[in-house]
Amino acid sequence: MTVYMVFERLKAGRLSLDDKFVVSRKAWRKGGSKMFVMVKSRVAVKDLLRGIIIQSGNDACIVIAEGISGSEEAFAEEMTRKAKEIGLKNSSFKNATGWPADGHYMSARDIATLSKKLIVDFPEYYKLFGETEFTHGGIKQGNRNPLLYKGFGADGLKTGHTEASGYGLAASTIRKGRRLLLVINGLNSKRARGSESARLLDWAYRETSSYALFKKGNVIETADVWLGKSANLPLVIAKT
């Protein structure tokens, strides 16, 4: 969701990839996965995005939040409002990092919905999720998404882990022009996250198919009209 907020501003022209935000002491001190930004330094948005997406940098998330909204708390409130606006029905944010907090949550369905929106709404920026490594301050880190390294057709999206929820992954893969999204959580190890995600996606491609039932403009049925200029009207598919 933090990344969505940035992508939206980039697309609207309210933010540039070359804009720079100052690293606060709060961001610099944040634990967990880090981009290793230095306090009081100024870091470009394009690097902060890679720090979040590739390196899972909690510090980079806070720099972004403070740069956009002035504080992480204000940014989290804005995230929650935006989530409701775009149709996420079971999400509430208390921070920009995903760090465990009372009242901070997302459902698996909301994660899948948000994943699709990132892919469809921001194709020019979504490609960042497919990058496998990033170096900042002389420290090179690899993307934590295990499917990117399996020749699997994966091009995103994001891993996650907390003590309460275990290891999880929001994954997107595309094979022969067909894209599938997977959201999985509650696994007990990084190894299980990679193997179970791969197993489920292989099964989905093998055992399911996509069918185009109608095309845009197809007349599906006619509706009777009472006291109208015409006795009936065609019901037409507006979009595929």
Protein backbone atom coordinates (compact mmCIF):
# COMPACT_ATOMS: atom_id res chain seq x y z
CA MET A 1 0.00 0.00 0.00
CA THR A 2 2.93 2.33 0.69
CA VAL A 3 4.18 1.69 -2.83
CA TYR A 4 0.70 2.28 -4.27
CA MET A 5 0.62 5.72 -2.64
CA VAL A 6 3.92 6.60 -4.32
CA PHE A 7 2.94 5.20 -7.73
CA GLU A 8 -0.29 7.19 -7.68
CA ARG A 9 1.57 10.45 -7.05
CA LEU A 10 4.15 9.66 -9.72
CA LYS A 11 1.45 9.01 -12.31
CA ALA A 12 -0.38 12.21 -11.41
CA GLY A 13 2.84 14.24 -11.67
CA ARG A 14 2.71 15.25 -8.00
CA LEU A 15 5.99 13.45 -7.36
CA SER A 16 9.11 12.72 -9.42
CA LEU A 17 11.44 9.73 -9.27
CA ASP A 18 14.28 12.22 -8.84
CA ASP A 19 12.70 14.00 -5.86
CA LYS A 20 14.65 13.45 -2.65
CA PHE A 21 13.50 12.97 0.93
CA VAL A 22 15.49 13.46 4.12
CA VAL A 23 16.21 10.44 6.34
CA SER A 24 15.03 11.05 9.89
CA ARG A 25 16.53 9.45 12.98
CA LYS A 26 13.32 7.45 13.38
CA ALA A 27 13.71 5.96 9.90
CA TRP A 28 17.42 5.31 10.37
CA ARG A 29 16.86 3.50 13.68
CA LYS A 30 13.97 1.28 12.50
CA GLY A 31 14.69 -2.43 12.88
CA GLY A 32 13.85 -5.42 10.72
CA SER A 33 14.74 -5.48 7.03
CA LYS A 34 16.63 -2.35 6.03
CA MET A 35 17.83 -0.41 3.04
CA PHE A 36 20.52 1.07 5.31
CA VAL A 37 19.89 4.73 4.58
CA MET A 38 21.99 7.15 6.62
CA VAL A 39 20.43 9.67 8.98
CA LYS A 40 20.13 13.22 7.58
CA SER A 41 21.03 12.06 4.07
CA ARG A 42 18.74 12.83 1.13
CA VAL A 43 17.62 9.82 -0.90
CA ALA A 44 15.86 9.85 -4.29
CA VAL A 45 12.37 8.41 -4.60
CA LYS A 46 13.57 5.98 -7.30
CA ASP A 47 16.07 4.53 -4.82
CA LEU A 48 13.60 4.46 -1.93
CA LEU A 49 11.14 2.51 -4.09
CA ARG A 50 13.78 -0.09 -4.85
CA GLY A 51 14.73 -0.13 -1.19
CA ILE A 52 11.13 -0.99 -0.33
CA ILE A 53 10.33 -3.37 -3.17
CA ILE A 54 13.63 -5.23 -3.53
CA GLN A 55 15.22 -4.90 -0.11
CA SER A 56 12.03 -4.79 2.02
CA GLY A 57 13.47 -1.71 3.71
CA ASN A 58 11.42 -0.60 6.69
CA ASP A 59 13.63 2.47 6.91
CA ALA A 60 12.83 3.39 3.30
CA CYS A 61 9.08 3.08 4.01
CA ILE A 62 9.34 5.59 6.85
CA VAL A 63 11.38 8.03 4.76
CA ILE A 64 8.67 7.89 2.08
CA ALA A 65 5.86 8.30 4.62
CA GLU A 66 7.47 11.30 6.31
CA GLY A 67 8.42 12.86 2.99
CA ILE A 68 4.89 12.67 1.62
CA SER A 69 2.72 13.29 4.70
CA GLY A 70 5.05 14.82 7.29
CA SER A 71 4.78 11.87 9.68
CA GLU A 72 4.32 8.12 9.46
CA GLU A 73 1.10 8.38 11.47
CA ALA A 74 -0.44 10.89 9.04
CA PHE A 75 0.65 8.76 6.12
CA ALA A 76 -0.98 5.67 7.64
CA GLU A 77 -4.25 7.56 8.03
CA GLU A 78 -4.04 8.60 4.40
CA MET A 79 -3.35 4.98 3.41
CA THR A 80 -6.48 3.82 5.21
CA ARG A 81 -8.62 6.45 3.49
CA LYS A 82 -7.19 5.54 0.10
CA ALA A 83 -7.74 1.83 0.77
CA LYS A 84 -11.47 2.44 1.26
CA GLU A 85 -11.56 4.65 -1.84
CA ILE A 86 -10.12 1.93 -4.10
CA GLY A 87 -12.33 -0.83 -2.75
CA LEU A 88 -10.23 -2.53 -0.09
CA LYS A 89 -12.88 -3.67 2.37
CA ASN A 90 -10.82 -5.18 5.17
CA SER A 91 -7.69 -3.07 5.57
CA SER A 92 -6.52 -0.57 8.17
CA PHE A 93 -3.05 0.90 8.53
CA LYS A 94 -1.15 2.20 11.55
CA ASN A 95 2.28 2.49 9.92
CA ALA A 96 4.00 2.45 6.54
CA THR A 97 6.09 -0.68 7.06
CA GLY A 98 3.70 -3.48 7.95
CA TRP A 99 5.27 -3.64 11.40
CA PRO A 100 2.86 -5.39 13.83
CA ALA A 101 0.52 -2.93 15.57
CA ASP A 102 -2.94 -3.00 17.09
CA GLY A 103 -5.48 -2.21 14.40
CA HIS A 104 -3.05 -2.74 11.53
CA TYR A 105 -4.24 -5.43 9.10
CA MET A 106 -5.07 -6.45 5.52
CA SER A 107 -7.10 -9.41 4.33
CA ALA A 108 -5.71 -11.79 1.71
CA ARG A 109 -8.46 -10.68 -0.68
CA ASP A 110 -7.50 -7.04 -0.24
CA ILE A 111 -3.86 -7.87 -0.92
CA ALA A 112 -4.89 -9.64 -4.13
CA THR A 113 -7.08 -6.68 -5.15
CA LEU A 114 -4.27 -4.23 -4.48
CA SER A 115 -1.78 -6.42 -6.35
CA LYS A 116 -4.00 -6.34 -9.44
CA LYS A 117 -4.36 -2.56 -9.22
CA LEU A 118 -0.59 -2.11 -9.04
CA ILE A 119 -0.18 -4.19 -12.20
CA VAL A 120 -3.07 -2.67 -14.17
CA ASP A 121 -2.89 0.96 -13.08
CA PHE A 122 0.88 1.48 -13.04
CA PRO A 123 2.54 -0.74 -15.69
CA GLU A 124 5.39 1.74 -16.13
CA TYR A 125 6.36 1.42 -12.46
CA TYR A 126 5.23 -2.14 -11.75
CA LYS A 127 8.35 -3.48 -13.52
CA LEU A 128 10.35 -2.54 -10.41
CA PHE A 129 8.89 -5.62 -8.70
CA GLY A 130 10.73 -7.86 -11.17
CA GLU A 131 14.22 -6.51 -10.40
CA THR A 132 16.28 -9.10 -8.56
CA GLU A 133 18.86 -6.94 -6.78
CA PHE A 134 19.65 -3.40 -5.69
CA THR A 135 22.72 -1.76 -4.22
CA HIS A 136 22.59 1.26 -1.95
CA GLY A 137 25.47 2.70 0.05
CA GLY A 138 27.70 -0.12 -1.17
CA ILE A 139 25.36 -2.80 0.24
CA LYS A 140 23.88 -5.15 -2.35
CA GLN A 141 20.73 -7.06 -1.46
CA GLY A 142 18.69 -9.51 -3.50
CA ASN A 143 14.93 -9.47 -3.97
CA ARG A 144 13.30 -11.69 -1.35
CA ASN A 145 10.67 -13.02 -3.76
CA PRO A 146 11.79 -16.66 -4.31
CA LEU A 147 9.79 -17.13 -7.50
CA LEU A 148 11.85 -14.56 -9.41
CA TYR A 149 14.78 -16.98 -9.48
CA LYS A 150 12.96 -20.13 -10.63
CA GLY A 151 12.40 -19.37 -14.34
CA PHE A 152 8.78 -19.40 -13.30
CA GLY A 153 7.32 -16.46 -15.21
CA ALA A 154 7.15 -14.41 -12.02
CA ASP A 155 7.45 -10.62 -12.17
CA GLY A 156 6.29 -9.64 -8.65
CA LEU A 157 5.27 -8.87 -6.02
CA LYS A 158 6.21 -8.92 -2.34
CA THR A 159 7.17 -11.14 0.56
CA GLY A 160 6.12 -10.59 4.15
CA HIS A 161 6.80 -12.00 7.60
CA THR A 162 5.70 -11.37 11.16
CA GLU A 163 5.71 -13.61 14.20
CA ALA A 164 1.91 -13.61 14.29
CA SER A 165 1.23 -14.36 10.64
CA GLY A 166 4.28 -16.39 9.61
CA TYR A 167 5.84 -16.20 6.15
CA GLY A 168 3.74 -14.93 3.26
CA LEU A 169 3.94 -13.91 -0.39
CA ALA A 170 1.87 -11.93 -2.85
CA ALA A 171 2.99 -13.33 -6.19
CA SER A 172 2.21 -12.59 -9.81
CA THR A 173 3.23 -14.82 -12.70
CA ILE A 174 2.52 -14.76 -16.40
CA ARG A 175 2.74 -17.75 -18.77
CA LYS A 176 1.65 -17.80 -22.40
CA GLY A 177 -0.08 -14.47 -21.92
CA ARG A 178 -2.08 -15.63 -18.89
CA ARG A 179 -1.46 -13.90 -15.56
CA LEU A 180 -2.25 -15.44 -12.18
CA LEU A 181 -2.09 -13.81 -8.75
CA LEU A 182 -1.39 -15.74 -5.56
CA VAL A 183 -1.62 -14.55 -1.96
CA ILE A 184 -0.36 -17.02 0.62
CA ASN A 185 0.40 -16.61 4.31
CA GLY A 186 0.93 -18.52 7.53
CA LEU A 187 3.87 -20.65 6.40
CA ASN A 188 6.58 -21.59 8.87
CA SER A 189 9.75 -20.89 6.86
CA LYS A 190 11.21 -19.10 3.86
CA ARG A 191 11.74 -22.48 2.19
CA ALA A 192 8.06 -23.40 2.62
CA ARG A 193 7.03 -20.01 1.27
CA GLY A 194 8.94 -20.62 -1.95
CA SER A 195 8.01 -24.27 -2.48
CA GLU A 196 4.32 -23.98 -1.58
CA SER A 197 3.85 -20.88 -3.73
CA ALA A 198 5.44 -22.64 -6.70
CA ARG A 199 3.35 -25.77 -6.13
CA LEU A 200 0.07 -23.86 -5.98
CA LEU A 201 0.81 -21.80 -9.07
CA ASP A 202 1.89 -24.86 -11.06
CA TRP A 203 -1.38 -26.53 -10.06
CA ALA A 204 -3.42 -23.48 -11.06
CA TYR A 205 -1.86 -23.24 -14.52
CA ARG A 206 -2.25 -26.98 -15.06
CA GLU A 207 -5.77 -27.49 -13.74
CA THR A 208 -7.57 -24.26 -14.63
CA SER A 209 -8.10 -22.22 -17.78
CA SER A 210 -9.45 -18.82 -18.72
CA TYR A 211 -12.41 -18.55 -21.08
CA ALA A 212 -13.74 -15.45 -22.83
CA LEU A 213 -17.51 -15.76 -22.48
CA PHE A 214 -18.37 -12.48 -24.20
CA LYS A 215 -16.71 -9.64 -26.05
CA LYS A 216 -17.32 -5.93 -25.76
CA GLY A 217 -20.45 -5.00 -27.70
CA ASN A 218 -22.03 -8.47 -27.65
CA VAL A 219 -25.80 -8.49 -27.14
CA ILE A 220 -26.45 -10.92 -24.29
CA GLU A 221 -30.22 -10.62 -23.91
CA THR A 222 -33.11 -8.27 -24.55
CA ALA A 223 -35.12 -6.53 -21.85
CA ASP A 224 -38.80 -5.81 -22.20
CA VAL A 225 -39.70 -2.11 -21.85
CA TRP A 226 -43.04 -0.96 -20.45
CA LEU A 227 -44.54 2.11 -22.08
CA GLY A 228 -41.30 2.90 -23.86
CA LYS A 229 -40.56 4.05 -27.42
CA SER A 230 -39.47 0.48 -28.13
CA ALA A 231 -40.93 -2.79 -26.87
CA ASN A 232 -37.52 -4.00 -25.81
CA LEU A 233 -33.87 -2.99 -25.53
CA PRO A 234 -30.67 -5.00 -26.08
CA LEU A 235 -28.45 -5.70 -23.04
CA VAL A 236 -24.91 -5.15 -24.26
CA ILE A 237 -21.53 -5.96 -22.69
CA ALA A 238 -19.85 -2.62 -21.99
CA LYS A 239 -16.34 -4.01 -21.65
CA THR A 240 -14.50 -7.31 -21.88
